């Protein structure tokens, strides 16, 4: 397949779609909240691991997503429902204040295992490489399945991760501006938004699986 400048618009649309689904700028308060108890170096490490993991998840989904889900007999809508439940559980802990307490207890521990866990779950998945982004990637791969297209798309996934990384790099400035009280307020607001997002994932998945619910 010969890729012309005109063809690149397809990949740019894919990149814009990922940015719209994930909303890296809107994720800054969430990243700020989750890394509130970390030092500057720990926050940078979390940022790198989260975005590297997210890009790896999306690239794997691009090449093998459809095959993996089919092998286990899992539909994208079932995956969307599972991701929604996970997001709601995270959102509930943010609203109740348990999430902030976990962050503080993590800071007091000598090891950084929990910090690494925050990078992968929930930051990398399902917040960055969530059901929407994974579903979009898998669906895109079914329409453009030749190796050249998949490789070029992988490059745009890496570019998307770099955009998220740059946005999260601004998180320390947000922390300095807001302070602890502002972080606590934003934590609960973002918890409500995340819960709404999780419910949206679940509702979309259920309605798609059971279309009769629309009537």
N, C-alpha and C. Protein backbone atom coordinates (compact mmCIF):
# COMPACT_ATOMS: atom_id res chain seq x y z
N UNK A 1 0.85 -1.19 0.00
CA UNK A 1 0.00 0.00 0.00
C UNK A 1 0.88 1.23 0.00
N UNK A 2 0.69 2.13 -0.94
CA UNK A 2 1.45 3.35 -1.00
C UNK A 2 0.75 4.43 -0.18
N UNK A 3 1.50 4.98 0.79
CA UNK A 3 0.93 6.00 1.66
C UNK A 3 1.23 7.37 1.10
N UNK A 4 0.21 8.11 0.74
CA UNK A 4 0.37 9.47 0.25
C UNK A 4 0.02 10.44 1.37
N UNK A 5 0.24 11.74 1.11
CA UNK A 5 -0.10 12.76 2.11
C UNK A 5 -1.59 12.70 2.41
N UNK A 6 -2.38 12.38 1.40
CA UNK A 6 -3.82 12.30 1.59
C UNK A 6 -4.18 11.18 2.55
N UNK A 7 -3.44 10.07 2.47
CA UNK A 7 -3.69 8.94 3.36
C UNK A 7 -3.37 9.29 4.81
N UNK A 8 -2.42 10.18 5.05
CA UNK A 8 -2.04 10.53 6.42
C UNK A 8 -3.19 11.17 7.18
N UNK A 9 -4.14 11.73 6.48
CA UNK A 9 -5.29 12.34 7.16
C UNK A 9 -6.07 11.29 7.95
N UNK A 10 -6.04 10.04 7.47
CA UNK A 10 -6.73 8.96 8.18
C UNK A 10 -6.10 8.75 9.55
N UNK A 11 -4.76 8.75 9.61
CA UNK A 11 -4.07 8.54 10.87
C UNK A 11 -4.19 9.74 11.79
N UNK A 12 -4.24 10.93 11.19
CA UNK A 12 -4.44 12.14 12.00
C UNK A 12 -5.81 12.11 12.66
N UNK A 13 -6.81 11.64 11.92
CA UNK A 13 -8.15 11.50 12.49
C UNK A 13 -8.14 10.49 13.64
N UNK A 14 -7.37 9.43 13.47
CA UNK A 14 -7.25 8.42 14.53
C UNK A 14 -6.63 9.04 15.78
N UNK A 15 -5.58 9.86 15.60
CA UNK A 15 -4.92 10.53 16.71
C UNK A 15 -5.86 11.50 17.40
N UNK A 16 -6.58 12.28 16.61
CA UNK A 16 -7.54 13.24 17.18
C UNK A 16 -8.64 12.50 17.95
N UNK A 17 -9.06 11.36 17.40
CA UNK A 17 -10.07 10.56 18.08
C UNK A 17 -9.60 10.07 19.44
N UNK A 18 -8.35 9.61 19.53
CA UNK A 18 -7.80 9.17 20.81
C UNK A 18 -7.74 10.32 21.80
N UNK A 19 -7.30 11.48 21.33
CA UNK A 19 -7.20 12.65 22.21
C UNK A 19 -8.58 13.06 22.72
N UNK A 20 -9.58 12.96 21.85
CA UNK A 20 -10.94 13.32 22.26
C UNK A 20 -11.50 12.32 23.27
N UNK A 21 -11.19 11.04 23.08
CA UNK A 21 -11.69 10.01 23.99
C UNK A 21 -11.05 10.12 25.37
N UNK A 22 -9.73 10.33 25.39
CA UNK A 22 -8.98 10.33 26.65
C UNK A 22 -8.99 11.71 27.31
N UNK A 23 -8.93 12.77 26.48
CA UNK A 23 -8.88 14.15 26.98
C UNK A 23 -7.71 14.35 27.94
N UNK A 24 -6.47 14.33 27.44
CA UNK A 24 -5.29 14.45 28.30
C UNK A 24 -5.28 15.71 29.17
N UNK A 25 -5.77 16.83 28.63
CA UNK A 25 -5.81 18.06 29.41
C UNK A 25 -6.77 17.92 30.58
N UNK A 26 -7.91 17.31 30.32
CA UNK A 26 -8.87 17.09 31.40
C UNK A 26 -8.38 16.07 32.42
N UNK A 27 -7.39 15.25 32.03
CA UNK A 27 -6.84 14.24 32.94
C UNK A 27 -5.83 14.82 33.92
N UNK A 28 -5.39 16.08 33.68
CA UNK A 28 -4.37 16.68 34.55
C UNK A 28 -4.80 16.70 36.02
N UNK A 29 -6.05 17.14 36.35
CA UNK A 29 -6.45 17.12 37.77
C UNK A 29 -6.45 15.72 38.37
N UNK A 30 -6.82 14.71 37.56
CA UNK A 30 -6.82 13.34 38.05
C UNK A 30 -5.39 12.88 38.33
N UNK A 31 -4.48 13.16 37.41
CA UNK A 31 -3.08 12.80 37.60
C UNK A 31 -2.51 13.54 38.81
N UNK A 32 -2.89 14.81 38.97
CA UNK A 32 -2.43 15.61 40.10
C UNK A 32 -2.88 14.99 41.41
N UNK A 33 -4.13 14.57 41.45
CA UNK A 33 -4.68 13.96 42.67
C UNK A 33 -3.97 12.65 43.00
N UNK A 34 -3.79 11.81 41.99
CA UNK A 34 -3.21 10.49 42.21
C UNK A 34 -1.75 10.54 42.59
N UNK A 35 -1.04 11.58 42.19
CA UNK A 35 0.40 11.69 42.48
C UNK A 35 0.67 12.75 43.53
N UNK A 36 -0.37 13.14 44.27
CA UNK A 36 -0.22 14.21 45.25
C UNK A 36 0.79 13.88 46.34
N UNK A 37 0.86 12.59 46.71
CA UNK A 37 1.76 12.19 47.78
C UNK A 37 3.16 11.81 47.31
N UNK A 38 3.47 12.03 46.05
CA UNK A 38 4.75 11.62 45.50
C UNK A 38 5.71 12.80 45.38
N UNK A 39 6.99 12.48 45.41
CA UNK A 39 8.01 13.49 45.17
C UNK A 39 8.07 13.82 43.67
N UNK A 40 8.86 14.81 43.31
CA UNK A 40 8.98 15.20 41.90
C UNK A 40 9.50 14.04 41.05
N UNK A 41 10.52 13.35 41.56
CA UNK A 41 11.08 12.23 40.81
C UNK A 41 10.09 11.08 40.69
N UNK A 42 9.36 10.80 41.78
CA UNK A 42 8.36 9.74 41.75
C UNK A 42 7.25 10.08 40.77
N UNK A 43 6.84 11.36 40.74
CA UNK A 43 5.79 11.79 39.83
C UNK A 43 6.23 11.63 38.37
N UNK A 44 7.49 11.99 38.10
CA UNK A 44 8.00 11.84 36.73
C UNK A 44 8.06 10.37 36.34
N UNK A 45 8.47 9.53 37.29
CA UNK A 45 8.53 8.09 37.02
C UNK A 45 7.14 7.54 36.75
N UNK A 46 6.16 7.97 37.57
CA UNK A 46 4.78 7.54 37.37
C UNK A 46 4.28 7.96 36.00
N UNK A 47 4.61 9.19 35.61
CA UNK A 47 4.20 9.72 34.31
C UNK A 47 4.75 8.87 33.17
N UNK A 48 6.05 8.55 33.24
CA UNK A 48 6.68 7.77 32.18
C UNK A 48 6.10 6.37 32.12
N UNK A 49 5.98 5.71 33.28
CA UNK A 49 5.48 4.33 33.31
C UNK A 49 4.04 4.27 32.82
N UNK A 50 3.21 5.23 33.26
CA UNK A 50 1.80 5.24 32.89
C UNK A 50 1.63 5.36 31.38
N UNK A 51 2.34 6.31 30.78
CA UNK A 51 2.17 6.54 29.35
C UNK A 51 2.85 5.45 28.51
N UNK A 52 3.97 4.92 29.00
CA UNK A 52 4.59 3.79 28.29
C UNK A 52 3.67 2.58 28.32
N UNK A 53 3.08 2.32 29.49
CA UNK A 53 2.17 1.18 29.63
C UNK A 53 0.94 1.36 28.76
N UNK A 54 0.40 2.60 28.74
CA UNK A 54 -0.79 2.87 27.94
C UNK A 54 -0.51 2.67 26.45
N UNK A 55 0.64 3.18 25.99
CA UNK A 55 0.98 3.00 24.58
C UNK A 55 1.18 1.53 24.24
N UNK A 56 1.78 0.77 25.17
CA UNK A 56 1.98 -0.66 24.95
C UNK A 56 0.64 -1.39 24.88
N UNK A 57 -0.29 -1.02 25.77
CA UNK A 57 -1.62 -1.63 25.77
C UNK A 57 -2.34 -1.35 24.46
N UNK A 58 -2.26 -0.11 23.99
CA UNK A 58 -2.95 0.26 22.76
C UNK A 58 -2.32 -0.41 21.54
N UNK A 59 -1.01 -0.52 21.53
CA UNK A 59 -0.33 -1.17 20.40
C UNK A 59 -0.67 -2.66 20.36
N UNK A 60 -0.68 -3.29 21.54
CA UNK A 60 -1.08 -4.70 21.61
C UNK A 60 -2.52 -4.86 21.14
N UNK A 61 -3.38 -3.93 21.57
CA UNK A 61 -4.78 -3.98 21.14
C UNK A 61 -4.89 -3.81 19.63
N UNK A 62 -4.04 -2.97 19.08
CA UNK A 62 -4.06 -2.71 17.65
C UNK A 62 -3.76 -3.97 16.85
N UNK A 63 -2.74 -4.71 17.28
CA UNK A 63 -2.30 -5.89 16.53
C UNK A 63 -3.07 -7.16 16.91
N UNK A 64 -3.39 -7.28 18.20
CA UNK A 64 -3.94 -8.56 18.66
C UNK A 64 -5.27 -8.44 19.39
N UNK A 65 -5.82 -7.24 19.49
CA UNK A 65 -7.04 -7.03 20.29
C UNK A 65 -8.20 -7.90 19.88
N UNK A 66 -8.51 -7.88 18.61
CA UNK A 66 -9.66 -8.67 18.13
C UNK A 66 -9.44 -10.16 18.37
N UNK A 67 -8.21 -10.63 18.13
CA UNK A 67 -7.92 -12.05 18.30
C UNK A 67 -7.99 -12.46 19.78
N UNK A 68 -7.47 -11.59 20.66
CA UNK A 68 -7.48 -11.91 22.09
C UNK A 68 -8.90 -11.98 22.62
N UNK A 69 -9.72 -10.97 22.29
CA UNK A 69 -11.10 -10.97 22.77
C UNK A 69 -11.87 -12.15 22.21
N UNK A 70 -11.64 -12.46 20.94
CA UNK A 70 -12.34 -13.60 20.32
C UNK A 70 -11.90 -14.92 20.95
N UNK A 71 -10.60 -15.02 21.29
CA UNK A 71 -10.08 -16.26 21.88
C UNK A 71 -10.75 -16.55 23.21
N UNK A 72 -11.03 -15.49 23.96
CA UNK A 72 -11.67 -15.66 25.27
C UNK A 72 -13.19 -15.52 25.19
N UNK A 73 -13.70 -15.30 24.00
CA UNK A 73 -15.14 -15.15 23.84
C UNK A 73 -15.68 -13.89 24.47
N UNK A 74 -14.86 -12.82 24.48
CA UNK A 74 -15.25 -11.56 25.11
C UNK A 74 -15.56 -10.53 24.02
N UNK A 75 -16.69 -9.88 24.16
CA UNK A 75 -17.04 -8.82 23.21
C UNK A 75 -16.51 -7.49 23.72
N UNK A 76 -16.39 -6.53 22.81
CA UNK A 76 -15.93 -5.20 23.20
C UNK A 76 -16.89 -4.57 24.20
N UNK A 77 -18.17 -4.83 24.03
CA UNK A 77 -19.16 -4.25 24.95
C UNK A 77 -19.03 -4.83 26.36
N UNK A 78 -18.71 -6.12 26.45
CA UNK A 78 -18.47 -6.71 27.77
C UNK A 78 -17.23 -6.09 28.41
N UNK A 79 -16.21 -5.84 27.59
CA UNK A 79 -15.00 -5.19 28.08
C UNK A 79 -15.32 -3.77 28.54
N UNK A 80 -16.20 -3.09 27.80
CA UNK A 80 -16.59 -1.73 28.17
C UNK A 80 -17.31 -1.73 29.52
N UNK A 81 -18.16 -2.70 29.76
CA UNK A 81 -18.88 -2.79 31.03
C UNK A 81 -17.91 -3.04 32.18
N UNK A 82 -16.95 -3.96 31.98
CA UNK A 82 -15.95 -4.25 33.02
C UNK A 82 -15.12 -3.01 33.34
N UNK A 83 -14.71 -2.27 32.30
CA UNK A 83 -13.96 -1.05 32.52
C UNK A 83 -14.77 -0.01 33.25
N UNK A 84 -16.07 0.07 32.95
CA UNK A 84 -16.95 1.01 33.64
C UNK A 84 -17.07 0.70 35.12
N UNK A 85 -17.16 -0.59 35.45
CA UNK A 85 -17.25 -0.99 36.86
C UNK A 85 -15.97 -0.60 37.60
N UNK A 86 -14.82 -0.82 36.95
CA UNK A 86 -13.54 -0.47 37.57
C UNK A 86 -13.44 1.03 37.79
N UNK A 87 -13.88 1.82 36.81
CA UNK A 87 -13.84 3.27 36.94
C UNK A 87 -14.75 3.74 38.08
N UNK A 88 -15.92 3.13 38.21
CA UNK A 88 -16.85 3.52 39.28
C UNK A 88 -16.25 3.22 40.65
N UNK A 89 -15.56 2.09 40.79
CA UNK A 89 -14.94 1.75 42.08
C UNK A 89 -13.86 2.76 42.45
N UNK A 90 -13.10 3.21 41.45
CA UNK A 90 -12.07 4.22 41.68
C UNK A 90 -12.73 5.55 42.04
N UNK A 91 -13.78 5.90 41.31
CA UNK A 91 -14.48 7.17 41.55
C UNK A 91 -15.08 7.21 42.95
N UNK A 92 -15.63 6.08 43.39
CA UNK A 92 -16.25 6.03 44.72
C UNK A 92 -15.21 6.28 45.82
N UNK A 93 -14.02 5.71 45.65
CA UNK A 93 -12.97 5.94 46.64
C UNK A 93 -12.49 7.39 46.62
N UNK A 94 -12.53 8.05 45.47
CA UNK A 94 -12.15 9.46 45.39
C UNK A 94 -13.18 10.34 46.08
N UNK A 95 -14.46 10.02 45.90
CA UNK A 95 -15.53 10.82 46.51
C UNK A 95 -15.54 10.65 48.02
N UNK A 96 -15.35 9.43 48.49
CA UNK A 96 -15.41 9.16 49.93
C UNK A 96 -14.17 9.60 50.68
N UNK A 97 -13.07 9.88 49.95
CA UNK A 97 -11.83 10.29 50.60
C UNK A 97 -10.86 9.16 50.84
N UNK A 98 -11.29 7.91 50.58
CA UNK A 98 -10.40 6.77 50.78
C UNK A 98 -9.20 6.83 49.86
N UNK A 99 -9.42 7.38 48.66
CA UNK A 99 -8.33 7.44 47.69
C UNK A 99 -7.20 8.33 48.20
N UNK A 100 -7.54 9.48 48.79
CA UNK A 100 -6.53 10.40 49.32
C UNK A 100 -5.79 9.74 50.48
N UNK A 101 -6.52 9.01 51.33
CA UNK A 101 -5.89 8.32 52.46
C UNK A 101 -4.91 7.27 51.97
N UNK A 102 -5.25 6.58 50.89
CA UNK A 102 -4.35 5.57 50.33
C UNK A 102 -3.09 6.23 49.79
N UNK A 103 -3.25 7.41 49.17
CA UNK A 103 -2.10 8.13 48.65
C UNK A 103 -1.16 8.52 49.78
N UNK A 104 -1.74 9.01 50.89
CA UNK A 104 -0.93 9.42 52.03
C UNK A 104 -0.21 8.24 52.66
N UNK A 105 -0.90 7.09 52.77
CA UNK A 105 -0.27 5.90 53.34
C UNK A 105 0.83 5.37 52.43
N UNK A 106 0.64 5.54 51.13
CA UNK A 106 1.66 5.12 50.16
C UNK A 106 2.95 5.91 50.37
N UNK A 107 2.80 7.21 50.64
CA UNK A 107 3.96 8.07 50.82
C UNK A 107 4.77 7.66 52.04
N UNK A 108 4.08 7.12 53.08
CA UNK A 108 4.75 6.75 54.32
C UNK A 108 5.47 5.41 54.22
N UNK A 109 5.16 4.63 53.20
CA UNK A 109 5.77 3.31 53.05
C UNK A 109 7.14 3.43 52.42
N UNK A 110 8.11 2.60 52.83
CA UNK A 110 9.46 2.71 52.29
C UNK A 110 9.61 2.25 50.86
N UNK A 111 8.76 1.31 50.41
CA UNK A 111 8.90 0.82 49.03
C UNK A 111 7.98 1.62 48.12
N UNK A 112 8.19 1.43 46.81
CA UNK A 112 7.43 2.19 45.82
C UNK A 112 6.55 1.27 44.98
N UNK A 113 6.17 0.13 45.54
CA UNK A 113 5.36 -0.81 44.78
C UNK A 113 4.00 -0.22 44.45
N UNK A 114 3.36 0.44 45.44
CA UNK A 114 2.06 1.02 45.20
C UNK A 114 2.13 2.13 44.18
N UNK A 115 3.25 2.86 44.18
CA UNK A 115 3.42 3.92 43.20
C UNK A 115 3.43 3.36 41.79
N UNK A 116 4.11 2.22 41.61
CA UNK A 116 4.14 1.57 40.31
C UNK A 116 2.75 1.08 39.92
N UNK A 117 2.00 0.57 40.93
CA UNK A 117 0.66 0.10 40.65
C UNK A 117 -0.24 1.22 40.19
N UNK A 118 -0.10 2.41 40.78
CA UNK A 118 -0.88 3.57 40.35
C UNK A 118 -0.57 3.89 38.89
N UNK A 119 0.67 3.72 38.49
CA UNK A 119 1.06 4.03 37.12
C UNK A 119 0.33 3.15 36.12
N UNK A 120 0.23 1.86 36.42
CA UNK A 120 -0.40 0.92 35.49
C UNK A 120 -1.91 0.92 35.66
N UNK A 121 -2.35 0.75 36.92
CA UNK A 121 -3.78 0.78 37.25
C UNK A 121 -3.98 1.75 38.40
N UNK A 122 -4.74 2.82 38.25
CA UNK A 122 -5.70 3.04 37.16
C UNK A 122 -5.24 4.01 36.08
N UNK A 123 -4.01 4.58 36.18
CA UNK A 123 -3.63 5.62 35.22
C UNK A 123 -3.54 5.08 33.79
N UNK A 124 -2.67 4.09 33.58
CA UNK A 124 -2.52 3.56 32.22
C UNK A 124 -3.80 2.91 31.74
N UNK A 125 -4.41 2.13 32.62
CA UNK A 125 -5.65 1.44 32.28
C UNK A 125 -6.52 1.37 33.52
N UNK A 126 -7.76 1.90 33.51
CA UNK A 126 -8.51 2.24 32.30
C UNK A 126 -8.60 3.74 31.98
N UNK A 127 -7.82 4.60 32.67
CA UNK A 127 -8.00 6.03 32.46
C UNK A 127 -7.42 6.53 31.14
N UNK A 128 -6.20 6.09 30.78
CA UNK A 128 -5.63 6.50 29.49
C UNK A 128 -6.02 5.50 28.41
N UNK A 129 -5.57 4.27 28.54
CA UNK A 129 -5.96 3.22 27.60
C UNK A 129 -7.22 2.54 28.13
N UNK A 130 -8.31 3.27 28.08
CA UNK A 130 -9.57 2.77 28.60
C UNK A 130 -10.38 2.03 27.55
N UNK A 131 -11.60 1.62 27.92
CA UNK A 131 -12.45 0.88 26.97
C UNK A 131 -12.69 1.65 25.67
N UNK A 132 -12.86 2.98 25.80
CA UNK A 132 -13.10 3.78 24.60
C UNK A 132 -11.92 3.78 23.66
N UNK A 133 -10.72 4.03 24.22
CA UNK A 133 -9.51 4.08 23.40
C UNK A 133 -9.19 2.70 22.82
N UNK A 134 -9.33 1.66 23.63
CA UNK A 134 -9.04 0.30 23.16
C UNK A 134 -10.04 -0.12 22.09
N UNK A 135 -11.31 0.18 22.34
CA UNK A 135 -12.35 -0.18 21.36
C UNK A 135 -12.10 0.55 20.05
N UNK A 136 -11.77 1.84 20.13
CA UNK A 136 -11.48 2.62 18.92
C UNK A 136 -10.30 2.04 18.17
N UNK A 137 -9.27 1.63 18.91
CA UNK A 137 -8.08 1.06 18.28
C UNK A 137 -8.38 -0.27 17.60
N UNK A 138 -9.14 -1.12 18.28
CA UNK A 138 -9.48 -2.42 17.71
C UNK A 138 -10.36 -2.27 16.48
N UNK A 139 -11.35 -1.38 16.57
CA UNK A 139 -12.24 -1.16 15.43
C UNK A 139 -11.44 -0.60 14.25
N UNK A 140 -10.52 0.33 14.51
CA UNK A 140 -9.71 0.91 13.44
C UNK A 140 -8.87 -0.17 12.77
N UNK A 141 -8.33 -1.10 13.56
CA UNK A 141 -7.46 -2.14 13.00
C UNK A 141 -8.23 -3.09 12.09
N UNK A 142 -9.53 -3.22 12.31
CA UNK A 142 -10.33 -4.09 11.45
C UNK A 142 -10.55 -3.48 10.07
N UNK A 143 -10.50 -2.16 9.98
CA UNK A 143 -10.68 -1.48 8.70
C UNK A 143 -9.36 -1.29 7.95
N UNK A 144 -8.27 -1.17 8.68
CA UNK A 144 -6.94 -0.96 8.07
C UNK A 144 -6.00 -2.02 8.63
N UNK A 145 -6.10 -3.22 8.09
CA UNK A 145 -5.44 -4.37 8.71
C UNK A 145 -4.10 -4.73 8.09
N UNK A 146 -3.63 -4.00 7.05
CA UNK A 146 -2.33 -4.37 6.48
C UNK A 146 -1.21 -3.87 7.39
N UNK A 147 -0.06 -4.51 7.29
CA UNK A 147 1.04 -4.27 8.23
C UNK A 147 1.56 -2.84 8.17
N UNK A 148 1.61 -2.24 6.99
CA UNK A 148 2.12 -0.88 6.89
C UNK A 148 1.22 0.09 7.65
N UNK A 149 -0.08 -0.07 7.50
CA UNK A 149 -1.03 0.79 8.20
C UNK A 149 -0.92 0.61 9.71
N UNK A 150 -0.78 -0.64 10.14
CA UNK A 150 -0.69 -0.91 11.58
C UNK A 150 0.59 -0.31 12.17
N UNK A 151 1.69 -0.38 11.42
CA UNK A 151 2.95 0.18 11.91
C UNK A 151 2.89 1.70 12.00
N UNK A 152 2.29 2.32 10.98
CA UNK A 152 2.15 3.78 11.01
C UNK A 152 1.24 4.20 12.15
N UNK A 153 0.17 3.45 12.35
CA UNK A 153 -0.76 3.74 13.44
C UNK A 153 -0.07 3.59 14.79
N UNK A 154 0.85 2.63 14.91
CA UNK A 154 1.60 2.45 16.15
C UNK A 154 2.42 3.71 16.46
N UNK A 155 2.99 4.31 15.41
CA UNK A 155 3.73 5.55 15.59
C UNK A 155 2.85 6.67 16.10
N UNK A 156 1.61 6.73 15.63
CA UNK A 156 0.69 7.76 16.10
C UNK A 156 0.23 7.48 17.53
N UNK A 157 0.20 6.22 17.92
CA UNK A 157 -0.12 5.89 19.32
C UNK A 157 1.00 6.39 20.23
N UNK A 158 2.25 6.21 19.80
CA UNK A 158 3.39 6.72 20.56
C UNK A 158 3.32 8.24 20.65
N UNK A 159 2.93 8.89 19.56
CA UNK A 159 2.78 10.35 19.56
C UNK A 159 1.69 10.77 20.54
N UNK A 160 0.60 10.02 20.57
CA UNK A 160 -0.48 10.29 21.53
C UNK A 160 0.01 10.18 22.97
N UNK A 161 0.83 9.17 23.25
CA UNK A 161 1.39 9.00 24.58
C UNK A 161 2.30 10.16 24.95
N UNK A 162 3.04 10.68 23.97
CA UNK A 162 3.90 11.84 24.22
C UNK A 162 3.08 13.07 24.56
N UNK A 163 1.93 13.21 23.91
CA UNK A 163 1.03 14.34 24.22
C UNK A 163 0.53 14.23 25.66
N UNK A 164 0.13 13.02 26.06
CA UNK A 164 -0.32 12.81 27.44
C UNK A 164 0.81 13.09 28.42
N UNK A 165 2.02 12.65 28.07
CA UNK A 165 3.17 12.87 28.95
C UNK A 165 3.42 14.36 29.15
N UNK A 166 3.34 15.14 28.08
CA UNK A 166 3.56 16.58 28.18
C UNK A 166 2.49 17.24 29.05
N UNK A 167 1.25 16.79 28.90
CA UNK A 167 0.16 17.35 29.72
C UNK A 167 0.38 17.04 31.20
N UNK A 168 0.80 15.81 31.49
CA UNK A 168 1.00 15.42 32.88
C UNK A 168 2.23 16.10 33.50
N UNK A 169 3.17 16.51 32.64
CA UNK A 169 4.33 17.23 33.14
C UNK A 169 3.92 18.57 33.77
N UNK A 170 2.78 19.10 33.36
CA UNK A 170 2.29 20.36 33.91
C UNK A 170 1.62 20.18 35.26
N UNK A 171 1.46 18.92 35.69
CA UNK A 171 0.77 18.64 36.95
C UNK A 171 1.39 19.33 38.17
N UNK A 172 2.74 19.38 38.33
CA UNK A 172 3.31 20.06 39.51
C UNK A 172 2.89 21.52 39.62
N UNK A 173 2.78 22.20 38.49
CA UNK A 173 2.34 23.60 38.51
C UNK A 173 0.91 23.69 39.03
N UNK A 174 0.08 22.72 38.64
CA UNK A 174 -1.31 22.70 39.10
C UNK A 174 -1.34 22.49 40.61
N UNK A 175 -0.46 21.60 41.12
CA UNK A 175 -0.41 21.34 42.56
C UNK A 175 -0.05 22.61 43.31
N UNK A 176 0.94 23.34 42.83
CA UNK A 176 1.38 24.57 43.51
C UNK A 176 0.29 25.63 43.51
N UNK A 177 -0.48 25.69 42.45
CA UNK A 177 -1.53 26.71 42.35
C UNK A 177 -2.73 26.37 43.23
N UNK A 178 -3.14 25.11 43.23
CA UNK A 178 -4.35 24.72 43.93
C UNK A 178 -4.17 24.56 45.44
N UNK A 179 -3.05 23.96 45.87
CA UNK A 179 -2.87 23.67 47.28
C UNK A 179 -3.67 22.44 47.70
N UNK A 180 -3.54 22.04 48.98
CA UNK A 180 -4.18 20.82 49.45
C UNK A 180 -5.70 20.92 49.43
N UNK A 181 -6.24 22.07 49.84
CA UNK A 181 -7.70 22.24 49.84
C UNK A 181 -8.26 22.14 48.43
N UNK A 182 -7.61 22.78 47.50
CA UNK A 182 -8.06 22.71 46.11
C UNK A 182 -7.99 21.31 45.56
N UNK A 183 -6.93 20.58 45.94
CA UNK A 183 -6.78 19.18 45.50
C UNK A 183 -7.93 18.34 46.03
N UNK A 184 -8.28 18.53 47.30
CA UNK A 184 -9.37 17.77 47.91
C UNK A 184 -10.70 18.04 47.21
N UNK A 185 -10.94 19.31 46.89
CA UNK A 185 -12.18 19.67 46.20
C UNK A 185 -12.22 19.05 44.81
N UNK A 186 -11.12 19.19 44.08
CA UNK A 186 -11.05 18.66 42.71
C UNK A 186 -11.15 17.14 42.72
N UNK A 187 -10.59 16.51 43.77
CA UNK A 187 -10.66 15.05 43.88
C UNK A 187 -12.11 14.58 43.85
N UNK A 188 -12.95 15.24 44.63
CA UNK A 188 -14.35 14.82 44.70
C UNK A 188 -15.12 15.18 43.44
N UNK A 189 -14.79 16.32 42.85
CA UNK A 189 -15.44 16.70 41.59
C UNK A 189 -15.07 15.71 40.48
N UNK A 190 -13.77 15.40 40.39
CA UNK A 190 -13.33 14.46 39.38
C UNK A 190 -13.88 13.06 39.66
N UNK A 191 -14.07 12.73 40.93
CA UNK A 191 -14.68 11.45 41.28
C UNK A 191 -16.09 11.34 40.72
N UNK A 192 -16.86 12.44 40.84
CA UNK A 192 -18.21 12.46 40.28
C UNK A 192 -18.19 12.31 38.76
N UNK A 193 -17.24 13.02 38.13
CA UNK A 193 -17.13 12.93 36.67
C UNK A 193 -16.72 11.53 36.24
N UNK A 194 -15.78 10.94 36.98
CA UNK A 194 -15.35 9.57 36.65
C UNK A 194 -16.48 8.57 36.83
N UNK A 195 -17.27 8.77 37.89
CA UNK A 195 -18.40 7.87 38.12
C UNK A 195 -19.41 7.98 36.98
N UNK A 196 -19.64 9.22 36.53
CA UNK A 196 -20.55 9.41 35.39
C UNK A 196 -20.01 8.74 34.14
N UNK A 197 -18.67 8.84 33.94
CA UNK A 197 -18.05 8.20 32.79
C UNK A 197 -18.19 6.68 32.87
N UNK A 198 -17.97 6.13 34.06
CA UNK A 198 -18.10 4.69 34.25
C UNK A 198 -19.51 4.21 33.98
N UNK A 199 -20.50 4.98 34.47
CA UNK A 199 -21.91 4.63 34.23
C UNK A 199 -22.22 4.69 32.75
N UNK A 200 -21.63 5.68 32.05
CA UNK A 200 -21.84 5.81 30.61
C UNK A 200 -21.29 4.59 29.87
N UNK A 201 -20.10 4.12 30.28
CA UNK A 201 -19.52 2.92 29.68
C UNK A 201 -20.45 1.72 29.87
N UNK A 202 -20.93 1.56 31.11
CA UNK A 202 -21.78 0.41 31.43
C UNK A 202 -23.09 0.48 30.66
N UNK A 203 -23.70 1.68 30.65
CA UNK A 203 -24.99 1.86 29.95
C UNK A 203 -24.85 1.57 28.47
N UNK A 204 -23.79 2.11 27.85
CA UNK A 204 -23.57 1.87 26.42
C UNK A 204 -23.39 0.39 26.12
N UNK A 205 -22.61 -0.28 26.96
CA UNK A 205 -22.37 -1.70 26.77
C UNK A 205 -23.64 -2.52 26.91
N UNK A 206 -24.44 -2.22 27.94
CA UNK A 206 -25.67 -2.98 28.19
C UNK A 206 -26.68 -2.76 27.06
N UNK A 207 -26.83 -1.49 26.63
CA UNK A 207 -27.80 -1.19 25.58
C UNK A 207 -27.40 -1.86 24.27
N UNK A 208 -26.07 -1.90 24.01
CA UNK A 208 -25.61 -2.54 22.77
C UNK A 208 -25.83 -4.05 22.81
N UNK A 209 -25.60 -4.64 24.00
CA UNK A 209 -25.80 -6.09 24.13
C UNK A 209 -27.28 -6.44 24.12
N UNK A 210 -28.08 -5.58 24.79
CA UNK A 210 -29.52 -5.81 24.85
C UNK A 210 -30.25 -4.63 24.20
N UNK A 211 -30.28 -4.57 22.88
CA UNK A 211 -30.89 -3.43 22.19
C UNK A 211 -32.37 -3.26 22.51
N UNK A 212 -33.01 -4.28 23.00
CA UNK A 212 -34.42 -4.19 23.34
C UNK A 212 -34.69 -3.21 24.48
N UNK A 213 -33.64 -2.87 25.26
CA UNK A 213 -33.82 -1.95 26.37
C UNK A 213 -34.13 -0.54 25.89
N UNK A 214 -33.85 -0.26 24.62
CA UNK A 214 -34.12 1.08 24.08
C UNK A 214 -35.62 1.31 23.90
N UNK A 215 -36.38 0.23 23.83
CA UNK A 215 -37.81 0.34 23.57
C UNK A 215 -38.59 0.23 24.87
